[in-house]
C-alpha atoms as a PDB file:
ATOM      1  CA  MET A   1       4.740  12.236  26.724  1.00  0.00           C
ATOM      2  CA  PHE A   2       5.146   9.782  23.771  1.00  0.00           C
ATOM      3  CA  ILE A   3       6.697  10.526  20.438  1.00  0.00           C
ATOM      4  CA  LEU A   4       3.978   9.874  17.588  1.00  0.00           C
ATOM      5  CA  ASN A   5       4.586   9.935  13.788  1.00  0.00           C
ATOM      6  CA  MET A   6       2.179   9.315  11.130  1.00  0.00           C
ATOM      7  CA  HIS A   7       3.260   7.798   7.862  1.00  0.00           C
ATOM      8  CA  LYS A   8       0.902   7.645   4.674  1.00  0.00           C
ATOM      9  CA  ALA A   9       1.322   4.986   2.152  1.00  0.00           C
ATOM     10  CA  ASP A  10      -1.137   5.150  -0.603  1.00  0.00           C
ATOM     11  CA  SER A  11      -4.460   4.743   1.058  1.00  0.00           C
ATOM     12  CA  SER A  12      -2.947   3.248   4.251  1.00  0.00           C
ATOM     13  CA  GLN A  13      -1.781   5.186   7.294  1.00  0.00           C
ATOM     14  CA  VAL A  14       1.009   3.554   9.627  1.00  0.00           C
ATOM     15  CA  VAL A  15       1.470   5.160  12.986  1.00  0.00           C
ATOM     16  CA  SER A  16       4.847   4.735  14.888  1.00  0.00           C
ATOM     17  CA  VAL A  17       5.006   5.550  18.762  1.00  0.00           C
ATOM     18  CA  CYS A  18       7.439   5.397  21.198  1.00  0.00           C
ATOM     19  CA  ASP A  19       8.590   6.500  24.540  1.00  0.00           C
ATOM     20  CA  SER A  20      10.224   9.864  24.245  1.00  0.00           C
ATOM     21  CA  ASP A  21      13.372   8.695  26.282  1.00  0.00           C
ATOM     22  CA  ILE A  22      14.171   5.980  23.832  1.00  0.00           C
ATOM     23  CA  ILE A  23      14.180   7.647  20.465  1.00  0.00           C
ATOM     24  CA  GLY A  24      17.503   7.076  18.394  1.00  0.00           C
ATOM     25  CA  LYS A  25      18.383   4.136  20.705  1.00  0.00           C
ATOM     26  CA  ARG A  26      19.268   0.592  19.633  1.00  0.00           C
ATOM     27  CA  PHE A  27      18.553  -2.608  21.799  1.00  0.00           C
ATOM     28  CA  GLU A  28      19.990  -5.932  21.012  1.00  0.00           C
ATOM     29  CA  GLU A  29      19.564  -9.367  22.564  1.00  0.00           C
ATOM     30  CA  LYS A  30      21.471 -12.155  21.342  1.00  0.00           C
ATOM     31  CA  ASP A  31      20.246 -12.099  17.411  1.00  0.00           C
ATOM     32  CA  ILE A  32      17.501  -9.659  17.645  1.00  0.00           C
ATOM     33  CA  VAL A  33      17.932  -5.738  17.223  1.00  0.00           C
ATOM     34  CA  LEU A  34      15.280  -3.374  18.242  1.00  0.00           C
ATOM     35  CA  ASP A  35      16.254   0.181  16.386  1.00  0.00           C
ATOM     36  CA  ILE A  36      14.274   3.140  17.160  1.00  0.00           C
ATOM     37  CA  PRO A  37      15.630   5.644  14.355  1.00  0.00           C
ATOM     38  CA  GLU A  38      14.812   9.256  14.324  1.00  0.00           C
ATOM     39  CA  SER A  39      13.961   8.931  10.767  1.00  0.00           C
ATOM     40  CA  PHE A  40      10.950   6.741  11.407  1.00  0.00           C
ATOM     41  CA  TYR A  41       9.933   7.353  14.975  1.00  0.00           C
ATOM     42  CA  GLY A  42      10.981  11.216  14.863  1.00  0.00           C
ATOM     43  CA  GLY A  43       7.681  13.184  15.288  1.00  0.00           C
ATOM     44  CA  LYS A  44       5.699  15.261  17.837  1.00  0.00           C
ATOM     45  CA  GLU A  45       5.282  14.790  21.501  1.00  0.00           C
ATOM     46  CA  LYS A  46       1.749  13.655  22.227  1.00  0.00           C
ATOM     47  CA  ALA A  47      -0.263  12.904  25.157  1.00  0.00           C
ATOM     48  CA  ILE A  48      -1.733   9.396  25.665  1.00  0.00           C
ATOM     49  CA  ASP A  49      -5.436  10.413  24.150  1.00  0.00           C
ATOM     50  CA  ASN A  50      -3.765  11.811  21.221  1.00  0.00           C
ATOM     51  CA  VAL A  51      -1.825   8.505  20.681  1.00  0.00           C
ATOM     52  CA  ILE A  52      -4.855   6.434  21.171  1.00  0.00           C
ATOM     53  CA  SER A  53      -6.836   8.809  18.674  1.00  0.00           C
ATOM     54  CA  ALA A  54      -4.192   8.190  16.008  1.00  0.00           C
ATOM     55  CA  ILE A  55      -3.943   4.364  16.564  1.00  0.00           C
ATOM     56  CA  SER A  56      -7.632   4.023  16.167  1.00  0.00           C
ATOM     57  CA  ALA A  57      -7.543   5.922  12.833  1.00  0.00           C
ATOM     58  CA  SER A  58      -4.531   4.021  11.300  1.00  0.00           C
ATOM     59  CA  ASN A  59      -4.220   0.585   9.347  1.00  0.00           C
ATOM     60  CA  SER A  60      -0.985  -0.448  11.347  1.00  0.00           C
ATOM     61  CA  THR A  61       0.613   0.764  14.410  1.00  0.00           C
ATOM     62  CA  ILE A  62       4.510  -0.080  15.615  1.00  0.00           C
ATOM     63  CA  ILE A  63       4.786   0.671  19.624  1.00  0.00           C
ATOM     64  CA  ILE A  64       8.186   0.587  21.313  1.00  0.00           C
ATOM     65  CA  GLY A  65       8.706   1.428  25.109  1.00  0.00           C
ATOM     66  CA  ASN A  66       7.958   0.339  28.298  1.00  0.00           C
ATOM     67  CA  THR A  67       5.844   3.113  29.309  1.00  0.00           C
ATOM     68  CA  ILE A  68       3.729   3.337  26.028  1.00  0.00           C
ATOM     69  CA  THR A  69       3.126  -0.355  26.119  1.00  0.00           C
ATOM     70  CA  THR A  70       1.680  -0.396  29.649  1.00  0.00           C
ATOM     71  CA  GLU A  71      -0.288   2.609  29.147  1.00  0.00           C
ATOM     72  CA  LEU A  72      -2.031   0.973  26.108  1.00  0.00           C
ATOM     73  CA  GLU A  73      -2.316  -2.367  27.853  1.00  0.00           C
ATOM     74  CA  LYS A  74      -4.028  -0.589  31.051  1.00  0.00           C
ATOM     75  CA  ARG A  75      -6.599   0.897  28.486  1.00  0.00           C
ATOM     76  CA  GLY A  76      -7.273  -2.558  26.595  1.00  0.00           C
ATOM     77  CA  ILE A  77      -5.797  -1.331  23.325  1.00  0.00           C
ATOM     78  CA  ILE A  78      -3.127  -4.210  23.568  1.00  0.00           C
ATOM     79  CA  SER A  79      -2.762  -7.090  25.597  1.00  0.00           C
ATOM     80  CA  GLU A  80       0.051  -8.714  27.535  1.00  0.00           C
ATOM     81  CA  SER A  81       0.005 -11.762  25.023  1.00  0.00           C
ATOM     82  CA  HIS A  82       0.875  -9.399  21.987  1.00  0.00           C
ATOM     83  CA  ILE A  83       3.796  -7.645  23.546  1.00  0.00           C
ATOM     84  CA  SER A  84       7.400  -8.923  23.126  1.00  0.00           C
ATOM     85  CA  SER A  85      10.392  -7.575  24.342  1.00  0.00           C
ATOM     86  CA  VAL A  86      14.151  -7.079  23.499  1.00  0.00           C
ATOM     87  CA  ALA A  87      16.786  -6.316  26.050  1.00  0.00           C
ATOM     88  CA  GLY A  88      14.114  -5.127  28.489  1.00  0.00           C
ATOM     89  CA  GLN A  89      12.238  -3.022  25.936  1.00  0.00           C
ATOM     90  CA  ARG A  90       8.761  -3.984  25.276  1.00  0.00           C
ATOM     91  CA  TYR A  91       7.135  -3.497  21.792  1.00  0.00           C
ATOM     92  CA  ALA A  92       3.675  -4.501  19.851  1.00  0.00           C
ATOM     93  CA  MET A  93       2.224  -4.284  16.569  1.00  0.00           C
ATOM     94  CA  ILE A  94      -1.246  -3.526  15.736  1.00  0.00           C
ATOM     95  CA  PHE A  95      -2.602  -4.573  11.953  1.00  0.00           C
ATOM     96  CA  ARG A  96      -6.147  -3.889  10.740  1.00  0.00           C
ATOM     97  CA  LEU A  97      -6.911  -5.735   7.515  1.00  0.00           C
END
């Protein structure tokens, strides 16, 4: 399961999704910090199909976690070249203009 949260701003929708086991954690590598605060990422546990539906309807998506990035990569939603990592945690972003 994954933690999915949807944020509305004017006419835009931003989706944040992360692996459920990293919510509230912070990862650091050299001068880069990857923070997963409950205030932004906290939401409802959802299955991968629900996550994909939310991503499809959003203007932008922030994705953090090794499991969610792997699942989305398998389904062709994101590609390896768009995934970065900090302290072993993979993340990606999707923007639609």
